[in-house]
Amino acid sequence: MILSVQDVIVLMIIPFILFLIGVLLIFLSLAREGTREVKGGGVILIGPIPIIFSLKNIKGIILSTLILVLLILILIKLLATVR
């Protein structure tokens, strides 16, 4: 598949716009006054292996389940394209 110049430009601009939106959201959240309580967690995907942190609450368990389902779907898709 060969991409045109316009496709490449779009693929370069979209992540940049998403980055700017993320930075803007961070600054807007810092501008709010009052006490803050930070709760969080995340998933780092290194190849097919998910590293999940902060399983202190139900959100982490749901997140890990969704990641597992996503990985299984990706594996099925890859196996279907090989045949």
PDB file of N, CA and C in Angstrom:
ATOM      1  N   MET A   1       0.845  -1.172   0.000  1.00  0.00           N
ATOM      2  CA  MET A   1       0.000   0.000   0.000  1.00  0.00           C
ATOM      3  C   MET A   1       0.893   1.239   0.000  1.00  0.00           C
ATOM      4  N   ILE A   2       0.697   2.082  -0.964  1.00  0.00           N
ATOM      5  CA  ILE A   2       1.470   3.313  -1.075  1.00  0.00           C
ATOM      6  C   ILE A   2       0.581   4.473  -0.652  1.00  0.00           C
ATOM      7  N   LEU A   3       1.108   5.285   0.250  1.00  0.00           N
ATOM      8  CA  LEU A   3       0.355   6.437   0.748  1.00  0.00           C
ATOM      9  C   LEU A   3       0.685   7.667  -0.079  1.00  0.00           C
ATOM     10  N   SER A   4      -0.324   8.484  -0.296  1.00  0.00           N
ATOM     11  CA  SER A   4      -0.086   9.739  -0.989  1.00  0.00           C
ATOM     12  C   SER A   4       0.482  10.757  -0.008  1.00  0.00           C
ATOM     13  N   VAL A   5       0.926  11.859  -0.532  1.00  0.00           N
ATOM     14  CA  VAL A   5       1.503  12.914   0.308  1.00  0.00           C
ATOM     15  C   VAL A   5       0.454  13.457   1.269  1.00  0.00           C
ATOM     16  N   GLN A   6      -0.772  13.589   0.824  1.00  0.00           N
ATOM     17  CA  GLN A   6      -1.837  14.085   1.685  1.00  0.00           C
ATOM     18  C   GLN A   6      -2.095  13.122   2.841  1.00  0.00           C
ATOM     19  N   ASP A   7      -2.060  11.818   2.572  1.00  0.00           N
ATOM     20  CA  ASP A   7      -2.264  10.831   3.638  1.00  0.00           C
ATOM     21  C   ASP A   7      -1.165  10.922   4.687  1.00  0.00           C
ATOM     22  N   VAL A   8       0.058  11.094   4.234  1.00  0.00           N
ATOM     23  CA  VAL A   8       1.184  11.199   5.162  1.00  0.00           C
ATOM     24  C   VAL A   8       1.059  12.457   6.009  1.00  0.00           C
ATOM     25  N   ILE A   9       0.649  13.552   5.396  1.00  0.00           N
ATOM     26  CA  ILE A   9       0.479  14.803   6.142  1.00  0.00           C
ATOM     27  C   ILE A   9      -0.606  14.646   7.193  1.00  0.00           C
ATOM     28  N   VAL A  10      -1.712  14.015   6.832  1.00  0.00           N
ATOM     29  CA  VAL A  10      -2.792  13.789   7.800  1.00  0.00           C
ATOM     30  C   VAL A  10      -2.301  12.904   8.940  1.00  0.00           C
ATOM     31  N   LEU A  11      -1.551  11.852   8.622  1.00  0.00           N
ATOM     32  CA  LEU A  11      -1.031  10.959   9.653  1.00  0.00           C
ATOM     33  C   LEU A  11      -0.012  11.651  10.555  1.00  0.00           C
ATOM     34  N   MET A  12       0.592  12.726  10.084  1.00  0.00           N
ATOM     35  CA  MET A  12       1.522  13.489  10.917  1.00  0.00           C
ATOM     36  C   MET A  12       0.797  14.545  11.742  1.00  0.00           C
ATOM     37  N   ILE A  13      -0.292  15.085  11.231  1.00  0.00           N
ATOM     38  CA  ILE A  13      -0.994  16.172  11.915  1.00  0.00           C
ATOM     39  C   ILE A  13      -1.894  15.648  13.028  1.00  0.00           C
ATOM     40  N   ILE A  14      -2.557  14.527  12.830  1.00  0.00           N
ATOM     41  CA  ILE A  14      -3.506  14.008  13.827  1.00  0.00           C
ATOM     42  C   ILE A  14      -2.851  13.767  15.188  1.00  0.00           C
ATOM     43  N   PRO A  15      -1.691  13.082  15.276  1.00  0.00           N
ATOM     44  CA  PRO A  15      -1.085  12.915  16.608  1.00  0.00           C
ATOM     45  C   PRO A  15      -0.670  14.238  17.242  1.00  0.00           C
ATOM     46  N   PHE A  16      -0.221  15.183  16.434  1.00  0.00           N
ATOM     47  CA  PHE A  16       0.165  16.486  16.956  1.00  0.00           C
ATOM     48  C   PHE A  16      -1.038  17.210  17.551  1.00  0.00           C
ATOM     49  N   ILE A  17      -2.172  17.152  16.875  1.00  0.00           N
ATOM     50  CA  ILE A  17      -3.393  17.785  17.388  1.00  0.00           C
ATOM     51  C   ILE A  17      -3.842  17.101  18.676  1.00  0.00           C
ATOM     52  N   LEU A  18      -3.781  15.769  18.712  1.00  0.00           N
ATOM     53  CA  LEU A  18      -4.146  15.048  19.935  1.00  0.00           C
ATOM     54  C   LEU A  18      -3.217  15.412  21.090  1.00  0.00           C
ATOM     55  N   PHE A  19      -1.937  15.588  20.804  1.00  0.00           N
ATOM     56  CA  PHE A  19      -0.983  16.010  21.828  1.00  0.00           C
ATOM     57  C   PHE A  19      -1.342  17.393  22.361  1.00  0.00           C
ATOM     58  N   LEU A  20      -1.654  18.322  21.466  1.00  0.00           N
ATOM     59  CA  LEU A  20      -2.022  19.674  21.899  1.00  0.00           C
ATOM     60  C   LEU A  20      -3.297  19.665  22.735  1.00  0.00           C
ATOM     61  N   ILE A  21      -4.268  18.853  22.363  1.00  0.00           N
ATOM     62  CA  ILE A  21      -5.501  18.738  23.151  1.00  0.00           C
ATOM     63  C   ILE A  21      -5.186  18.193  24.536  1.00  0.00           C
ATOM     64  N   GLY A  22      -4.300  17.202  24.618  1.00  0.00           N
ATOM     65  CA  GLY A  22      -3.911  16.650  25.913  1.00  0.00           C
ATOM     66  C   GLY A  22      -3.229  17.674  26.795  1.00  0.00           C
ATOM     67  N   VAL A  23      -2.322  18.458  26.224  1.00  0.00           N
ATOM     68  CA  VAL A  23      -1.637  19.508  26.990  1.00  0.00           C
ATOM     69  C   VAL A  23      -2.639  20.555  27.449  1.00  0.00           C
ATOM     70  N   LEU A  24      -3.566  20.931  26.594  1.00  0.00           N
ATOM     71  CA  LEU A  24      -4.591  21.907  26.964  1.00  0.00           C
ATOM     72  C   LEU A  24      -5.450  21.386  28.109  1.00  0.00           C
ATOM     73  N   LEU A  25      -5.834  20.124  28.060  1.00  0.00           N
ATOM     74  CA  LEU A  25      -6.635  19.545  29.144  1.00  0.00           C
ATOM     75  C   LEU A  25      -5.861  19.511  30.458  1.00  0.00           C
ATOM     76  N   ILE A  26      -4.575  19.246  30.394  1.00  0.00           N
ATOM     77  CA  ILE A  26      -3.763  19.261  31.615  1.00  0.00           C
ATOM     78  C   ILE A  26      -3.721  20.659  32.204  1.00  0.00           C
ATOM     79  N   PHE A  27      -3.491  21.664  31.379  1.00  0.00           N
ATOM     80  CA  PHE A  27      -3.447  23.037  31.884  1.00  0.00           C
ATOM     81  C   PHE A  27      -4.799  23.480  32.431  1.00  0.00           C
ATOM     82  N   LEU A  28      -5.878  23.080  31.786  1.00  0.00           N
ATOM     83  CA  LEU A  28      -7.204  23.434  32.294  1.00  0.00           C
ATOM     84  C   LEU A  28      -7.486  22.767  33.632  1.00  0.00           C
ATOM     85  N   SER A  29      -7.035  21.540  33.803  1.00  0.00           N
ATOM     86  CA  SER A  29      -7.260  20.866  35.083  1.00  0.00           C
ATOM     87  C   SER A  29      -6.411  21.476  36.186  1.00  0.00           C
ATOM     88  N   LEU A  30      -5.238  21.993  35.861  1.00  0.00           N
ATOM     89  CA  LEU A  30      -4.393  22.637  36.863  1.00  0.00           C
ATOM     90  C   LEU A  30      -4.926  24.008  37.254  1.00  0.00           C
ATOM     91  N   ALA A  31      -5.699  24.630  36.387  1.00  0.00           N
ATOM     92  CA  ALA A  31      -6.215  25.967  36.658  1.00  0.00           C
ATOM     93  C   ALA A  31      -7.356  25.956  37.667  1.00  0.00           C
ATOM     94  N   ARG A  32      -7.972  24.806  37.880  1.00  0.00           N
ATOM     95  CA  ARG A  32      -9.083  24.718  38.832  1.00  0.00           C
ATOM     96  C   ARG A  32      -8.547  24.814  40.251  1.00  0.00           C
ATOM     97  N   GLU A  33      -9.295  25.490  41.103  1.00  0.00           N
ATOM     98  CA  GLU A  33      -8.873  25.657  42.489  1.00  0.00           C
ATOM     99  C   GLU A  33      -9.507  24.589  43.362  1.00  0.00           C
ATOM    100  N   GLY A  34      -8.959  24.428  44.555  1.00  0.00           N
ATOM    101  CA  GLY A  34      -9.501  23.470  45.504  1.00  0.00           C
ATOM    102  C   GLY A  34      -8.562  22.295  45.699  1.00  0.00           C
ATOM    103  N   THR A  35      -8.966  21.443  46.606  1.00  0.00           N
ATOM    104  CA  THR A  35      -8.136  20.271  46.864  1.00  0.00           C
ATOM    105  C   THR A  35      -8.382  19.218  45.797  1.00  0.00           C
ATOM    106  N   ARG A  36      -7.351  18.472  45.545  1.00  0.00           N
ATOM    107  CA  ARG A  36      -7.446  17.456  44.503  1.00  0.00           C
ATOM    108  C   ARG A  36      -7.051  16.107  45.081  1.00  0.00           C
ATOM    109  N   GLU A  37      -7.719  15.098  44.620  1.00  0.00           N
ATOM    110  CA  GLU A  37      -7.344  13.733  44.956  1.00  0.00           C
ATOM    111  C   GLU A  37      -7.095  13.004  43.648  1.00  0.00           C
ATOM    112  N   VAL A  38      -5.910  12.510  43.513  1.00  0.00           N
ATOM    113  CA  VAL A  38      -5.529  11.864  42.266  1.00  0.00           C
ATOM    114  C   VAL A  38      -5.660  10.356  42.425  1.00  0.00           C
ATOM    115  N   LYS A  39      -6.434   9.773  41.546  1.00  0.00           N
ATOM    116  CA  LYS A  39      -6.551   8.322  41.460  1.00  0.00           C
ATOM    117  C   LYS A  39      -6.246   7.958  40.021  1.00  0.00           C
ATOM    118  N   GLY A  40      -5.504   6.952  39.862  1.00  0.00           N
ATOM    119  CA  GLY A  40      -5.206   6.609  38.485  1.00  0.00           C
ATOM    120  C   GLY A  40      -4.596   5.242  38.344  1.00  0.00           C
ATOM    121  N   GLY A  41      -4.384   4.910  37.146  1.00  0.00           N
ATOM    122  CA  GLY A  41      -3.784   3.646  36.793  1.00  0.00           C
ATOM    123  C   GLY A  41      -3.534   3.665  35.304  1.00  0.00           C
ATOM    124  N   GLY A  42      -3.065   2.595  34.814  1.00  0.00           N
ATOM    125  CA  GLY A  42      -2.828   2.579  33.388  1.00  0.00           C
ATOM    126  C   GLY A  42      -2.352   1.237  32.897  1.00  0.00           C
ATOM    127  N   VAL A  43      -2.156   1.193  31.616  1.00  0.00           N
ATOM    128  CA  VAL A  43      -1.680  -0.014  30.959  1.00  0.00           C
ATOM    129  C   VAL A  43      -0.565   0.390  30.013  1.00  0.00           C
ATOM    130  N   ILE A  44       0.527  -0.338  30.087  1.00  0.00           N
ATOM    131  CA  ILE A  44       1.622  -0.156  29.144  1.00  0.00           C
ATOM    132  C   ILE A  44       1.679  -1.422  28.310  1.00  0.00           C
ATOM    133  N   LEU A  45       1.505  -1.266  27.010  1.00  0.00           N
ATOM    134  CA  LEU A  45       1.527  -2.426  26.119  1.00  0.00           C
ATOM    135  C   LEU A  45       2.901  -2.532  25.476  1.00  0.00           C
ATOM    136  N   ILE A  46       3.611  -3.585  25.811  1.00  0.00           N
ATOM    137  CA  ILE A  46       4.901  -3.857  25.185  1.00  0.00           C
ATOM    138  C   ILE A  46       4.718  -5.137  24.383  1.00  0.00           C
ATOM    139  N   GLY A  47       4.512  -4.960  23.103  1.00  0.00           N
ATOM    140  CA  GLY A  47       4.208  -6.121  22.273  1.00  0.00           C
ATOM    141  C   GLY A  47       2.871  -6.698  22.692  1.00  0.00           C
ATOM    142  N   PRO A  48       2.807  -7.997  22.886  1.00  0.00           N
ATOM    143  CA  PRO A  48       1.534  -8.601  23.305  1.00  0.00           C
ATOM    144  C   PRO A  48       1.360  -8.663  24.817  1.00  0.00           C
ATOM    145  N   ILE A  49       2.305  -8.103  25.571  1.00  0.00           N
ATOM    146  CA  ILE A  49       2.280  -8.234  27.031  1.00  0.00           C
ATOM    147  C   ILE A  49       1.803  -6.928  27.660  1.00  0.00           C
ATOM    148  N   PRO A  50       0.630  -6.927  28.301  1.00  0.00           N
ATOM    149  CA  PRO A  50       0.185  -5.710  28.986  1.00  0.00           C
ATOM    150  C   PRO A  50       0.754  -5.640  30.400  1.00  0.00           C
ATOM    151  N   ILE A  51       1.245  -4.458  30.773  1.00  0.00           N
ATOM    152  CA  ILE A  51       1.681  -4.205  32.141  1.00  0.00           C
ATOM    153  C   ILE A  51       0.640  -3.272  32.736  1.00  0.00           C
ATOM    154  N   ILE A  52      -0.108  -3.770  33.715  1.00  0.00           N
ATOM    155  CA  ILE A  52      -1.224  -3.026  34.289  1.00  0.00           C
ATOM    156  C   ILE A  52      -0.841  -2.610  35.693  1.00  0.00           C
ATOM    157  N   PHE A  53      -1.020  -1.326  36.010  1.00  0.00           N
ATOM    158  CA  PHE A  53      -0.732  -0.882  37.361  1.00  0.00           C
ATOM    159  C   PHE A  53      -1.950  -0.197  37.950  1.00  0.00           C
ATOM    160  N   SER A  54      -2.036  -0.220  39.268  1.00  0.00           N
ATOM    161  CA  SER A  54      -3.123   0.329  40.072  1.00  0.00           C
ATOM    162  C   SER A  54      -4.393  -0.502  39.926  1.00  0.00           C
ATOM    163  N   LEU A  55      -4.343  -1.686  40.488  1.00  0.00           N
ATOM    164  CA  LEU A  55      -5.527  -2.537  40.522  1.00  0.00           C
ATOM    165  C   LEU A  55      -6.214  -2.426  41.876  1.00  0.00           C
ATOM    166  N   LYS A  56      -6.185  -1.248  42.482  1.00  0.00           N
ATOM    167  CA  LYS A  56      -6.763  -1.062  43.808  1.00  0.00           C
ATOM    168  C   LYS A  56      -8.286  -1.031  43.779  1.00  0.00           C
ATOM    169  N   ASN A  57      -8.844  -0.739  42.656  1.00  0.00           N
ATOM    170  CA  ASN A  57     -10.298  -0.633  42.592  1.00  0.00           C
ATOM    171  C   ASN A  57     -10.828  -1.430  41.399  1.00  0.00           C
ATOM    172  N   ILE A  58     -12.106  -1.373  41.214  1.00  0.00           N
ATOM    173  CA  ILE A  58     -12.765  -2.146  40.161  1.00  0.00           C
ATOM    174  C   ILE A  58     -12.379  -1.651  38.765  1.00  0.00           C
ATOM    175  N   LYS A  59     -12.006  -0.373  38.652  1.00  0.00           N
ATOM    176  CA  LYS A  59     -11.635   0.154  37.337  1.00  0.00           C
ATOM    177  C   LYS A  59     -10.416  -0.565  36.774  1.00  0.00           C
ATOM    178  N   GLY A  60      -9.458  -0.864  37.625  1.00  0.00           N
ATOM    179  CA  GLY A  60      -8.271  -1.581  37.162  1.00  0.00           C
ATOM    180  C   GLY A  60      -8.590  -2.978  36.681  1.00  0.00           C
ATOM    181  N   ILE A  61      -9.483  -3.635  37.371  1.00  0.00           N
ATOM    182  CA  ILE A  61      -9.871  -4.988  36.967  1.00  0.00           C
ATOM    183  C   ILE A  61     -10.629  -4.944  35.643  1.00  0.00           C
ATOM    184  N   ILE A  62     -11.515  -3.969  35.498  1.00  0.00           N
ATOM    185  CA  ILE A  62     -12.248  -3.817  34.235  1.00  0.00           C
ATOM    186  C   ILE A  62     -11.280  -3.484  33.110  1.00  0.00           C
ATOM    187  N   LEU A  63     -10.328  -2.602  33.386  1.00  0.00           N
ATOM    188  CA  LEU A  63      -9.342  -2.220  32.381  1.00  0.00           C
ATOM    189  C   LEU A  63      -8.507  -3.419  31.949  1.00  0.00           C
ATOM    190  N   SER A  64      -8.080  -4.223  32.902  1.00  0.00           N
ATOM    191  CA  SER A  64      -7.280  -5.395  32.548  1.00  0.00           C
ATOM    192  C   SER A  64      -8.098  -6.395  31.740  1.00  0.00           C
ATOM    193  N   THR A  65      -9.370  -6.544  32.054  1.00  0.00           N
ATOM    194  CA  THR A  65     -10.237  -7.446  31.295  1.00  0.00           C
ATOM    195  C   THR A  65     -10.421  -6.944  29.867  1.00  0.00           C
ATOM    196  N   LEU A  66     -10.632  -5.644  29.707  1.00  0.00           N
ATOM    197  CA  LEU A  66     -10.797  -5.079  28.366  1.00  0.00           C
ATOM    198  C   LEU A  66      -9.526  -5.229  27.540  1.00  0.00           C
ATOM    199  N   ILE A  67      -8.374  -5.030  28.166  1.00  0.00           N
ATOM    200  CA  ILE A  67      -7.109  -5.194  27.454  1.00  0.00           C
ATOM    201  C   ILE A  67      -6.929  -6.647  27.019  1.00  0.00           C
ATOM    202  N   LEU A  68      -7.281  -7.574  27.887  1.00  0.00           N
ATOM    203  CA  LEU A  68      -7.166  -8.989  27.537  1.00  0.00           C
ATOM    204  C   LEU A  68      -8.072  -9.332  26.354  1.00  0.00           C
ATOM    205  N   VAL A  69      -9.297  -8.832  26.363  1.00  0.00           N
ATOM    206  CA  VAL A  69     -10.224  -9.070  25.249  1.00  0.00           C
ATOM    207  C   VAL A  69      -9.676  -8.448  23.968  1.00  0.00           C
ATOM    208  N   LEU A  70      -9.138  -7.237  24.064  1.00  0.00           N
ATOM    209  CA  LEU A  70      -8.566  -6.570  22.899  1.00  0.00           C
ATOM    210  C   LEU A  70      -7.395  -7.363  22.334  1.00  0.00           C
ATOM    211  N   LEU A  71      -6.535  -7.861  23.193  1.00  0.00           N
ATOM    212  CA  LEU A  71      -5.400  -8.649  22.721  1.00  0.00           C
ATOM    213  C   LEU A  71      -5.850  -9.942  22.045  1.00  0.00           C
ATOM    214  N   ILE A  72      -6.877 -10.566  22.577  1.00  0.00           N
ATOM    215  CA  ILE A  72      -7.399 -11.785  21.953  1.00  0.00           C
ATOM    216  C   ILE A  72      -7.980 -11.473  20.574  1.00  0.00           C
ATOM    217  N   LEU A  73      -8.705 -10.357  20.461  1.00  0.00           N
ATOM    218  CA  LEU A  73      -9.261  -9.972  19.159  1.00  0.00           C
ATOM    219  C   LEU A  73      -8.160  -9.659  18.151  1.00  0.00           C
ATOM    220  N   ILE A  74      -7.106  -8.995  18.602  1.00  0.00           N
ATOM    221  CA  ILE A  74      -5.982  -8.695  17.710  1.00  0.00           C
ATOM    222  C   ILE A  74      -5.314  -9.984  17.256  1.00  0.00           C
ATOM    223  N   LEU A  75      -5.140 -10.923  18.176  1.00  0.00           N
ATOM    224  CA  LEU A  75      -4.532 -12.204  17.826  1.00  0.00           C
ATOM    225  C   LEU A  75      -5.384 -12.959  16.810  1.00  0.00           C
ATOM    226  N   ILE A  76      -6.696 -12.954  16.998  1.00  0.00           N
ATOM    227  CA  ILE A  76      -7.594 -13.618  16.048  1.00  0.00           C
ATOM    228  C   ILE A  76      -7.490 -12.963  14.677  1.00  0.00           C
ATOM    229  N   LYS A  77      -7.453 -11.644  14.646  1.00  0.00           N
ATOM    230  CA  LYS A  77      -7.341 -10.915  13.378  1.00  0.00           C
ATOM    231  C   LYS A  77      -6.024 -11.235  12.677  1.00  0.00           C
ATOM    232  N   LEU A  78      -4.937 -11.286  13.444  1.00  0.00           N
ATOM    233  CA  LEU A  78      -3.645 -11.607  12.845  1.00  0.00           C
ATOM    234  C   LEU A  78      -3.614 -13.030  12.300  1.00  0.00           C
ATOM    235  N   LEU A  79      -4.182 -13.957  13.039  1.00  0.00           N
ATOM    236  CA  LEU A  79      -4.208 -15.338  12.567  1.00  0.00           C
ATOM    237  C   LEU A  79      -5.094 -15.496  11.339  1.00  0.00           C
ATOM    238  N   ALA A  80      -6.155 -14.699  11.251  1.00  0.00           N
ATOM    239  CA  ALA A  80      -7.045 -14.777  10.087  1.00  0.00           C
ATOM    240  C   ALA A  80      -6.365 -14.229   8.835  1.00  0.00           C
ATOM    241  N   THR A  81      -5.505 -13.234   8.988  1.00  0.00           N
ATOM    242  CA  THR A  81      -4.841 -12.658   7.816  1.00  0.00           C
ATOM    243  C   THR A  81      -3.681 -13.521   7.340  1.00  0.00           C
ATOM    244  N   VAL A  82      -3.128 -14.348   8.210  1.00  0.00           N
ATOM    245  CA  VAL A  82      -2.014 -15.211   7.818  1.00  0.00           C
ATOM    246  C   VAL A  82      -2.488 -16.331   6.907  1.00  0.00           C
ATOM    247  N   ARG A  83      -3.673 -16.836   7.153  1.00  0.00           N
ATOM    248  CA  ARG A  83      -4.190 -17.969   6.364  1.00  0.00           C
ATOM    249  C   ARG A  83      -4.649 -17.564   5.011  1.00  0.00           C
TER     250      ARG A  83
END
